[in-house]
Amino acid sequence: MKSLKNVPQIILNSQTIGHPIDFKWSKRKMDQFLDPLEGNEELEALLSNINHKATVGLSAALLEWIYWRFTGYTTSINDTEKRIEALWCSIENQDHTSPLIFDVDLDIPASGSINGPLWVALMNVRMIDVRYRKGSYFIQNEIVGLALLARHITPKRKTFDKWFNNIVTELNRLYPCQYNYTNVDETDEAFYDSSNEPVICRAFFFDPKFEYTIEASKNAVNDFIDNLDHKSNPFLHLTKKAS
């Protein structure tokens, strides 16, 4: 789990890689994933119970499902890989990454069953990154559409469902949200400081042999970061640790 070059077994089991692009896609579908809260209240409530770093980690993992689905179909997937790397780095320290700016002017082509889902995924991830950086108490709202999109494009959805349900259960247990929404400032202006939350790593999501502890998660995410080609990723501004 030290590199995105290693495909998680669960993703291989879902027949994601190289599978024909045979899912349904339309403007209506696209709108559903961009504004998914109506009709998905149960999923929204479930995801609202996890903390900020876990939300960003789950976002990185879901984006990886989407990344592998379109690998080989478009060269723009290389940019997606760099954003996944940046998400893991931002969990360790936000200051080591740049904002995941994406299509600010809404002029990147978003049509078709490849560009469309990728555009939606990267726009959702951008909004998660924005809310994470501003300490928004409503960061979890943005991940609903990303989860629904990853499931929609996965060939073997039962495999995805089992993985997702198990992961979210564990996130609720080990990375619970540190506040309730009773007294939250609904103007979205209040700032929540997530810097003291325990980090989460890629192995938590994709390695069934990973044994969770706070220390193990910290070591795993640092190992992942140490194996990155920092200079090739424009979203990172890290210095290689001295050996």
C-alpha atoms as a PDB file:
ATOM      1  CA  MET A   1       0.000   0.000   0.000  1.00  0.00           C
ATOM      2  CA  LYS A   2       2.993   2.302  -0.416  1.00  0.00           C
ATOM      3  CA  SER A   3       2.143   3.320  -3.975  1.00  0.00           C
ATOM      4  CA  LEU A   4      -0.819   3.840  -6.275  1.00  0.00           C
ATOM      5  CA  LYS A   5       0.968   1.547  -8.713  1.00  0.00           C
ATOM      6  CA  ASN A   6      -0.235  -1.365  -6.569  1.00  0.00           C
ATOM      7  CA  VAL A   7      -3.860  -2.125  -7.452  1.00  0.00           C
ATOM      8  CA  PRO A   8      -5.901  -3.094  -4.354  1.00  0.00           C
ATOM      9  CA  GLN A   9      -7.214  -6.651  -4.544  1.00  0.00           C
ATOM     10  CA  ILE A  10     -10.768  -5.537  -3.782  1.00  0.00           C
ATOM     11  CA  ILE A  11     -10.704  -3.314  -6.873  1.00  0.00           C
ATOM     12  CA  LEU A  12      -9.415  -6.198  -8.971  1.00  0.00           C
ATOM     13  CA  ASN A  13     -12.238  -8.350  -7.580  1.00  0.00           C
ATOM     14  CA  SER A  14     -14.794  -5.769  -8.693  1.00  0.00           C
ATOM     15  CA  GLN A  15     -13.634  -6.242 -12.330  1.00  0.00           C
ATOM     16  CA  THR A  16     -13.120  -2.499 -12.547  1.00  0.00           C
ATOM     17  CA  ILE A  17      -9.909  -2.403 -14.568  1.00  0.00           C
ATOM     18  CA  GLY A  18     -10.332  -2.687 -18.326  1.00  0.00           C
ATOM     19  CA  HIS A  19     -14.047  -3.405 -18.146  1.00  0.00           C
ATOM     20  CA  PRO A  20     -16.118  -1.908 -20.999  1.00  0.00           C
ATOM     21  CA  ILE A  21     -17.728   1.445 -20.279  1.00  0.00           C
ATOM     22  CA  ASP A  22     -21.241   0.023 -20.126  1.00  0.00           C
ATOM     23  CA  PHE A  23     -22.936   1.966 -17.340  1.00  0.00           C
ATOM     24  CA  LYS A  24     -25.694   4.470 -18.071  1.00  0.00           C
ATOM     25  CA  TRP A  25     -24.728   8.134 -18.274  1.00  0.00           C
ATOM     26  CA  SER A  26     -26.774  11.225 -18.989  1.00  0.00           C
ATOM     27  CA  LYS A  27     -27.179  14.854 -17.945  1.00  0.00           C
ATOM     28  CA  ARG A  28     -29.762  13.694 -15.431  1.00  0.00           C
ATOM     29  CA  LYS A  29     -27.354  11.162 -13.940  1.00  0.00           C
ATOM     30  CA  MET A  30     -24.673  13.799 -13.752  1.00  0.00           C
ATOM     31  CA  ASP A  31     -26.963  16.188 -11.884  1.00  0.00           C
ATOM     32  CA  GLN A  32     -27.912  13.435  -9.434  1.00  0.00           C
ATOM     33  CA  PHE A  33     -24.286  12.913  -8.440  1.00  0.00           C
ATOM     34  CA  LEU A  34     -23.599  16.644  -8.176  1.00  0.00           C
ATOM     35  CA  ASP A  35     -26.632  17.277  -5.962  1.00  0.00           C
ATOM     36  CA  PRO A  36     -27.397  13.907  -4.349  1.00  0.00           C
ATOM     37  CA  LEU A  37     -28.734  14.768  -0.905  1.00  0.00           C
ATOM     38  CA  GLU A  38     -32.426  14.417  -1.729  1.00  0.00           C
ATOM     39  CA  GLY A  39     -33.384  10.763  -1.461  1.00  0.00           C
ATOM     40  CA  ASN A  40     -30.075   9.738   0.138  1.00  0.00           C
ATOM     41  CA  GLU A  41     -30.716  10.940   3.668  1.00  0.00           C
ATOM     42  CA  GLU A  42     -29.709   7.631   5.262  1.00  0.00           C
ATOM     43  CA  LEU A  43     -26.330   7.627   3.531  1.00  0.00           C
ATOM     44  CA  GLU A  44     -25.829  11.301   4.373  1.00  0.00           C
ATOM     45  CA  ALA A  45     -26.542  10.622   8.053  1.00  0.00           C
ATOM     46  CA  LEU A  46     -24.156   7.662   8.091  1.00  0.00           C
ATOM     47  CA  LEU A  47     -21.307   9.658   6.575  1.00  0.00           C
ATOM     48  CA  SER A  48     -21.947  12.654   8.842  1.00  0.00           C
ATOM     49  CA  ASN A  49     -20.818  10.513  11.782  1.00  0.00           C
ATOM     50  CA  ILE A  50     -17.168  10.302  10.685  1.00  0.00           C
ATOM     51  CA  ASN A  51     -14.531  12.923  11.392  1.00  0.00           C
ATOM     52  CA  HIS A  52     -12.757  15.191   8.923  1.00  0.00           C
ATOM     53  CA  LYS A  53      -9.554  13.246   8.291  1.00  0.00           C
ATOM     54  CA  ALA A  54     -11.564  10.057   7.804  1.00  0.00           C
ATOM     55  CA  THR A  55     -13.791  11.911   5.333  1.00  0.00           C
ATOM     56  CA  VAL A  56     -10.757  12.993   3.316  1.00  0.00           C
ATOM     57  CA  GLY A  57      -9.337   9.460   3.461  1.00  0.00           C
ATOM     58  CA  LEU A  58     -12.605   7.968   2.258  1.00  0.00           C
ATOM     59  CA  SER A  59     -12.642  10.572  -0.526  1.00  0.00           C
ATOM     60  CA  ALA A  60      -9.166   9.495  -1.627  1.00  0.00           C
ATOM     61  CA  ALA A  61     -10.201   5.829  -1.571  1.00  0.00           C
ATOM     62  CA  LEU A  62     -13.387   6.473  -3.565  1.00  0.00           C
ATOM     63  CA  LEU A  63     -11.482   8.563  -6.076  1.00  0.00           C
ATOM     64  CA  GLU A  64      -9.096   5.632  -6.451  1.00  0.00           C
ATOM     65  CA  TRP A  65     -12.008   3.342  -7.417  1.00  0.00           C
ATOM     66  CA  ILE A  66     -12.860   5.887 -10.118  1.00  0.00           C
ATOM     67  CA  TYR A  67      -9.215   6.284 -11.113  1.00  0.00           C
ATOM     68  CA  TRP A  68      -8.791   2.563 -11.808  1.00  0.00           C
ATOM     69  CA  ARG A  69     -12.119   2.404 -13.659  1.00  0.00           C
ATOM     70  CA  PHE A  70     -10.908   4.865 -16.297  1.00  0.00           C
ATOM     71  CA  THR A  71      -7.243   3.925 -16.422  1.00  0.00           C
ATOM     72  CA  GLY A  72      -6.441   3.110 -20.050  1.00  0.00           C
ATOM     73  CA  TYR A  73      -9.399   5.083 -21.371  1.00  0.00           C
ATOM     74  CA  THR A  74      -8.064   8.638 -21.022  1.00  0.00           C
ATOM     75  CA  THR A  75      -4.745  10.364 -20.377  1.00  0.00           C
ATOM     76  CA  SER A  76      -6.419  12.850 -18.028  1.00  0.00           C
ATOM     77  CA  ILE A  77      -6.406  10.082 -15.440  1.00  0.00           C
ATOM     78  CA  ASN A  78      -2.789  11.052 -14.663  1.00  0.00           C
ATOM     79  CA  ASP A  79      -4.051  14.275 -13.103  1.00  0.00           C
ATOM     80  CA  THR A  80      -6.481  12.250 -10.980  1.00  0.00           C
ATOM     81  CA  GLU A  81      -3.598  10.167  -9.628  1.00  0.00           C
ATOM     82  CA  LYS A  82      -1.820  13.320  -8.458  1.00  0.00           C
ATOM     83  CA  ARG A  83      -4.959  14.506  -6.667  1.00  0.00           C
ATOM     84  CA  ILE A  84      -5.260  11.190  -4.830  1.00  0.00           C
ATOM     85  CA  GLU A  85      -1.656  11.528  -3.678  1.00  0.00           C
ATOM     86  CA  ALA A  86      -2.345  15.089  -2.523  1.00  0.00           C
ATOM     87  CA  LEU A  87      -5.370  14.000  -0.488  1.00  0.00           C
ATOM     88  CA  TRP A  88      -3.263  11.511   1.492  1.00  0.00           C
ATOM     89  CA  CYS A  89      -0.610  14.143   2.063  1.00  0.00           C
ATOM     90  CA  SER A  90      -3.167  16.697   3.230  1.00  0.00           C
ATOM     91  CA  ILE A  91      -4.368  14.225   5.879  1.00  0.00           C
ATOM     92  CA  GLU A  92      -0.867  14.228   7.325  1.00  0.00           C
ATOM     93  CA  ASN A  93      -0.524  18.014   6.990  1.00  0.00           C
ATOM     94  CA  GLN A  94      -2.698  20.394   4.961  1.00  0.00           C
ATOM     95  CA  ASP A  95       0.195  22.846   4.669  1.00  0.00           C
ATOM     96  CA  HIS A  96       2.138  20.385   2.514  1.00  0.00           C
ATOM     97  CA  THR A  97      -0.404  20.531  -0.310  1.00  0.00           C
ATOM     98  CA  SER A  98      -1.964  23.120  -2.574  1.00  0.00           C
ATOM     99  CA  PRO A  99      -5.746  23.446  -3.006  1.00  0.00           C
ATOM    100  CA  LEU A 100      -7.117  20.949  -5.526  1.00  0.00           C
ATOM    101  CA  ILE A 101      -8.306  23.636  -7.920  1.00  0.00           C
ATOM    102  CA  PHE A 102     -10.389  22.221 -10.751  1.00  0.00           C
ATOM    103  CA  ASP A 103     -12.330  23.855 -13.593  1.00  0.00           C
ATOM    104  CA  VAL A 104     -13.067  27.109 -11.783  1.00  0.00           C
ATOM    105  CA  ASP A 105     -14.736  28.550 -14.900  1.00  0.00           C
ATOM    106  CA  LEU A 106     -16.741  25.383 -15.586  1.00  0.00           C
ATOM    107  CA  ASP A 107     -15.357  25.188 -19.124  1.00  0.00           C
ATOM    108  CA  ILE A 108     -13.745  21.712 -19.157  1.00  0.00           C
ATOM    109  CA  PRO A 109     -15.843  19.299 -21.269  1.00  0.00           C
ATOM    110  CA  ALA A 110     -18.053  17.308 -18.929  1.00  0.00           C
ATOM    111  CA  SER A 111     -20.027  15.276 -21.447  1.00  0.00           C
ATOM    112  CA  GLY A 112     -19.744  11.594 -22.289  1.00  0.00           C
ATOM    113  CA  SER A 113     -19.431   8.498 -20.143  1.00  0.00           C
ATOM    114  CA  ILE A 114     -15.716   9.071 -19.438  1.00  0.00           C
ATOM    115  CA  ASN A 115     -15.240  12.831 -19.184  1.00  0.00           C
ATOM    116  CA  GLY A 116     -18.600  13.232 -17.471  1.00  0.00           C
ATOM    117  CA  PRO A 117     -17.963  10.956 -14.462  1.00  0.00           C
ATOM    118  CA  LEU A 118     -14.378  12.194 -14.116  1.00  0.00           C
ATOM    119  CA  TRP A 119     -15.546  15.805 -14.101  1.00  0.00           C
ATOM    120  CA  VAL A 120     -18.151  15.060 -11.426  1.00  0.00           C
ATOM    121  CA  ALA A 121     -15.614  13.133  -9.320  1.00  0.00           C
ATOM    122  CA  LEU A 122     -12.991  15.867  -9.454  1.00  0.00           C
ATOM    123  CA  MET A 123     -15.540  18.588  -8.763  1.00  0.00           C
ATOM    124  CA  ASN A 124     -16.794  16.705  -5.702  1.00  0.00           C
ATOM    125  CA  VAL A 125     -13.240  16.172  -4.488  1.00  0.00           C
ATOM    126  CA  ARG A 126     -12.460  19.842  -5.007  1.00  0.00           C
ATOM    127  CA  MET A 127     -15.403  20.786  -2.779  1.00  0.00           C
ATOM    128  CA  ILE A 128     -14.349  18.281  -0.102  1.00  0.00           C
ATOM    129  CA  ASP A 129     -10.849  19.777  -0.191  1.00  0.00           C
ATOM    130  CA  VAL A 130     -12.281  23.315   0.083  1.00  0.00           C
ATOM    131  CA  ARG A 131     -14.419  22.386   3.099  1.00  0.00           C
ATOM    132  CA  TYR A 132     -11.532  20.524   4.725  1.00  0.00           C
ATOM    133  CA  ARG A 133      -9.256  23.534   4.437  1.00  0.00           C
ATOM    134  CA  LYS A 134     -11.843  25.994   5.743  1.00  0.00           C
ATOM    135  CA  GLY A 135     -12.798  23.705   8.641  1.00  0.00           C
ATOM    136  CA  SER A 136     -16.416  23.431   7.564  1.00  0.00           C
ATOM    137  CA  TYR A 137     -18.682  21.492   9.902  1.00  0.00           C
ATOM    138  CA  PHE A 138     -20.495  20.215   6.807  1.00  0.00           C
ATOM    139  CA  ILE A 139     -17.572  18.597   4.982  1.00  0.00           C
ATOM    140  CA  GLN A 140     -19.355  15.233   4.906  1.00  0.00           C
ATOM    141  CA  ASN A 141     -22.165  16.550   2.673  1.00  0.00           C
ATOM    142  CA  GLU A 142     -19.872  16.577  -0.339  1.00  0.00           C
ATOM    143  CA  ILE A 143     -18.829  12.913  -0.151  1.00  0.00           C
ATOM    144  CA  VAL A 144     -22.317  11.474  -0.757  1.00  0.00           C
ATOM    145  CA  GLY A 145     -22.193  12.107  -4.502  1.00  0.00           C
ATOM    146  CA  LEU A 146     -18.664  10.708  -4.766  1.00  0.00           C
ATOM    147  CA  ALA A 147     -19.725   7.463  -3.083  1.00  0.00           C
ATOM    148  CA  LEU A 148     -22.795   7.092  -5.304  1.00  0.00           C
ATOM    149  CA  LEU A 149     -20.723   7.796  -8.421  1.00  0.00           C
ATOM    150  CA  ALA A 150     -18.026   5.240  -7.538  1.00  0.00           C
ATOM    151  CA  ARG A 151     -20.717   2.619  -7.007  1.00  0.00           C
ATOM    152  CA  HIS A 152     -22.516   3.498 -10.246  1.00  0.00           C
ATOM    153  CA  ILE A 153     -19.471   2.989 -12.472  1.00  0.00           C
ATOM    154  CA  THR A 154     -18.238  -0.200 -10.735  1.00  0.00           C
ATOM    155  CA  PRO A 155     -19.031  -3.379 -12.731  1.00  0.00           C
ATOM    156  CA  LYS A 156     -19.541  -5.657  -9.710  1.00  0.00           C
ATOM    157  CA  ARG A 157     -21.547  -3.409  -7.414  1.00  0.00           C
ATOM    158  CA  LYS A 158     -22.095  -6.072  -4.759  1.00  0.00           C
ATOM    159  CA  THR A 159     -18.321  -6.188  -4.284  1.00  0.00           C
ATOM    160  CA  PHE A 160     -18.236  -2.415  -3.913  1.00  0.00           C
ATOM    161  CA  ASP A 161     -21.209  -2.439  -1.522  1.00  0.00           C
ATOM    162  CA  LYS A 162     -19.609  -4.979   0.781  1.00  0.00           C
ATOM    163  CA  TRP A 163     -16.350  -3.023   0.858  1.00  0.00           C
ATOM    164  CA  PHE A 164     -18.068   0.331   1.373  1.00  0.00           C
ATOM    165  CA  ASN A 165     -20.389  -0.880   4.126  1.00  0.00           C
ATOM    166  CA  ASN A 166     -17.542  -2.511   6.034  1.00  0.00           C
ATOM    167  CA  ILE A 167     -15.332   0.554   5.696  1.00  0.00           C
ATOM    168  CA  VAL A 168     -17.996   3.029   6.817  1.00  0.00           C
ATOM    169  CA  THR A 169     -18.825   0.837   9.820  1.00  0.00           C
ATOM    170  CA  GLU A 170     -15.183   0.864  10.859  1.00  0.00           C
ATOM    171  CA  LEU A 171     -14.883   4.602  10.262  1.00  0.00           C
ATOM    172  CA  ASN A 172     -17.855   5.238  12.517  1.00  0.00           C
ATOM    173  CA  ARG A 173     -16.213   3.110  15.209  1.00  0.00           C
ATOM    174  CA  LEU A 174     -12.618   4.307  14.976  1.00  0.00           C
ATOM    175  CA  TYR A 175     -12.903   7.815  13.497  1.00  0.00           C
ATOM    176  CA  PRO A 176     -16.147   9.252  14.908  1.00  0.00           C
ATOM    177  CA  CYS A 177     -17.140  12.852  14.286  1.00  0.00           C
ATOM    178  CA  GLN A 178     -16.104  15.003  17.256  1.00  0.00           C
ATOM    179  CA  TYR A 179     -19.230  17.170  17.310  1.00  0.00           C
ATOM    180  CA  ASN A 180     -22.973  16.895  16.852  1.00  0.00           C
ATOM    181  CA  TYR A 181     -24.997  19.166  14.617  1.00  0.00           C
ATOM    182  CA  THR A 182     -27.373  20.521  17.261  1.00  0.00           C
ATOM    183  CA  ASN A 183     -25.435  23.722  17.912  1.00  0.00           C
ATOM    184  CA  VAL A 184     -23.416  24.013  14.705  1.00  0.00           C
ATOM    185  CA  ASP A 185     -23.352  27.400  12.964  1.00  0.00           C
ATOM    186  CA  GLU A 186     -25.508  26.685   9.906  1.00  0.00           C
ATOM    187  CA  THR A 187     -24.069  29.631   7.989  1.00  0.00           C
ATOM    188  CA  ASP A 188     -20.977  27.469   7.421  1.00  0.00           C
ATOM    189  CA  GLU A 189     -18.755  30.229   8.796  1.00  0.00           C
ATOM    190  CA  ALA A 190     -17.577  28.464  11.965  1.00  0.00           C
ATOM    191  CA  PHE A 191     -14.148  26.800  11.863  1.00  0.00           C
ATOM    192  CA  TYR A 192     -13.461  23.267  13.102  1.00  0.00           C
ATOM    193  CA  ASP A 193      -9.786  22.468  13.704  1.00  0.00           C
ATOM    194  CA  SER A 194      -9.157  18.873  12.604  1.00  0.00           C
ATOM    195  CA  SER A 195      -5.375  19.024  13.060  1.00  0.00           C
ATOM    196  CA  ASN A 196      -5.542  16.979  16.264  1.00  0.00           C
ATOM    197  CA  GLU A 197      -7.572  14.158  14.735  1.00  0.00           C
ATOM    198  CA  PRO A 198      -5.615  10.899  14.214  1.00  0.00           C
ATOM    199  CA  VAL A 199      -4.400  10.355  10.661  1.00  0.00           C
ATOM    200  CA  ILE A 200      -5.765   7.608   8.466  1.00  0.00           C
ATOM    201  CA  CYS A 201      -3.885   5.700   5.756  1.00  0.00           C
ATOM    202  CA  ARG A 202      -4.567   4.007   2.426  1.00  0.00           C
ATOM    203  CA  ALA A 203      -3.948   0.572   3.947  1.00  0.00           C
ATOM    204  CA  PHE A 204      -6.945   1.081   6.234  1.00  0.00           C
ATOM    205  CA  PHE A 205      -9.169   1.032   3.152  1.00  0.00           C
ATOM    206  CA  PHE A 206      -7.424  -1.479   0.928  1.00  0.00           C
ATOM    207  CA  ASP A 207      -5.277  -3.881   2.953  1.00  0.00           C
ATOM    208  CA  PRO A 208      -7.324  -6.553   4.789  1.00  0.00           C
ATOM    209  CA  LYS A 209      -4.222  -7.510   6.795  1.00  0.00           C
ATOM    210  CA  PHE A 210      -3.727  -3.996   8.141  1.00  0.00           C
ATOM    211  CA  GLU A 211      -4.061  -3.932  11.926  1.00  0.00           C
ATOM    212  CA  TYR A 212      -5.284  -0.536  13.010  1.00  0.00           C
ATOM    213  CA  THR A 213      -3.598   1.508  15.669  1.00  0.00           C
ATOM    214  CA  ILE A 214      -3.009   5.249  15.679  1.00  0.00           C
ATOM    215  CA  GLU A 215       0.734   4.626  15.419  1.00  0.00           C
ATOM    216  CA  ALA A 216       0.372   2.082  12.589  1.00  0.00           C
ATOM    217  CA  SER A 217      -1.794   4.511  10.614  1.00  0.00           C
ATOM    218  CA  LYS A 218       0.702   7.321  11.112  1.00  0.00           C
ATOM    219  CA  ASN A 219       3.603   5.148   9.998  1.00  0.00           C
ATOM    220  CA  ALA A 220       1.697   3.870   6.944  1.00  0.00           C
ATOM    221  CA  VAL A 221       0.679   7.301   5.693  1.00  0.00           C
ATOM    222  CA  ASN A 222       4.250   8.562   6.165  1.00  0.00           C
ATOM    223  CA  ASP A 223       5.589   5.553   4.234  1.00  0.00           C
ATOM    224  CA  PHE A 224       3.169   6.373   1.421  1.00  0.00           C
ATOM    225  CA  ILE A 225       4.287  10.007   1.355  1.00  0.00           C
ATOM    226  CA  ASP A 226       7.968   9.046   1.420  1.00  0.00           C
ATOM    227  CA  ASN A 227       7.471   6.917  -1.703  1.00  0.00           C
ATOM    228  CA  LEU A 228       5.957   9.743  -3.759  1.00  0.00           C
ATOM    229  CA  ASP A 229       7.772  11.526  -6.555  1.00  0.00           C
ATOM    230  CA  HIS A 230       7.276  14.903  -4.959  1.00  0.00           C
ATOM    231  CA  LYS A 231       8.698  16.929  -7.838  1.00  0.00           C
ATOM    232  CA  SER A 232       6.267  15.525 -10.416  1.00  0.00           C
ATOM    233  CA  ASN A 233       3.135  16.437  -8.475  1.00  0.00           C
ATOM    234  CA  PRO A 234       2.152  20.121  -8.718  1.00  0.00           C
ATOM    235  CA  PHE A 235      -0.180  19.815  -5.704  1.00  0.00           C
ATOM    236  CA  LEU A 236       2.654  18.871  -3.345  1.00  0.00           C
ATOM    237  CA  HIS A 237       5.290  21.073  -1.781  1.00  0.00           C
ATOM    238  CA  LEU A 238       7.214  18.596   0.332  1.00  0.00           C
ATOM    239  CA  THR A 239      10.869  18.118   0.976  1.00  0.00           C
ATOM    240  CA  LYS A 240      12.262  14.618   1.017  1.00  0.00           C
ATOM    241  CA  LYS A 241      12.934  13.517   4.584  1.00  0.00           C
ATOM    242  CA  ALA A 242      16.537  12.935   5.496  1.00  0.00           C
ATOM    243  CA  SER A 243      17.397   9.263   5.921  1.00  0.00           C
END
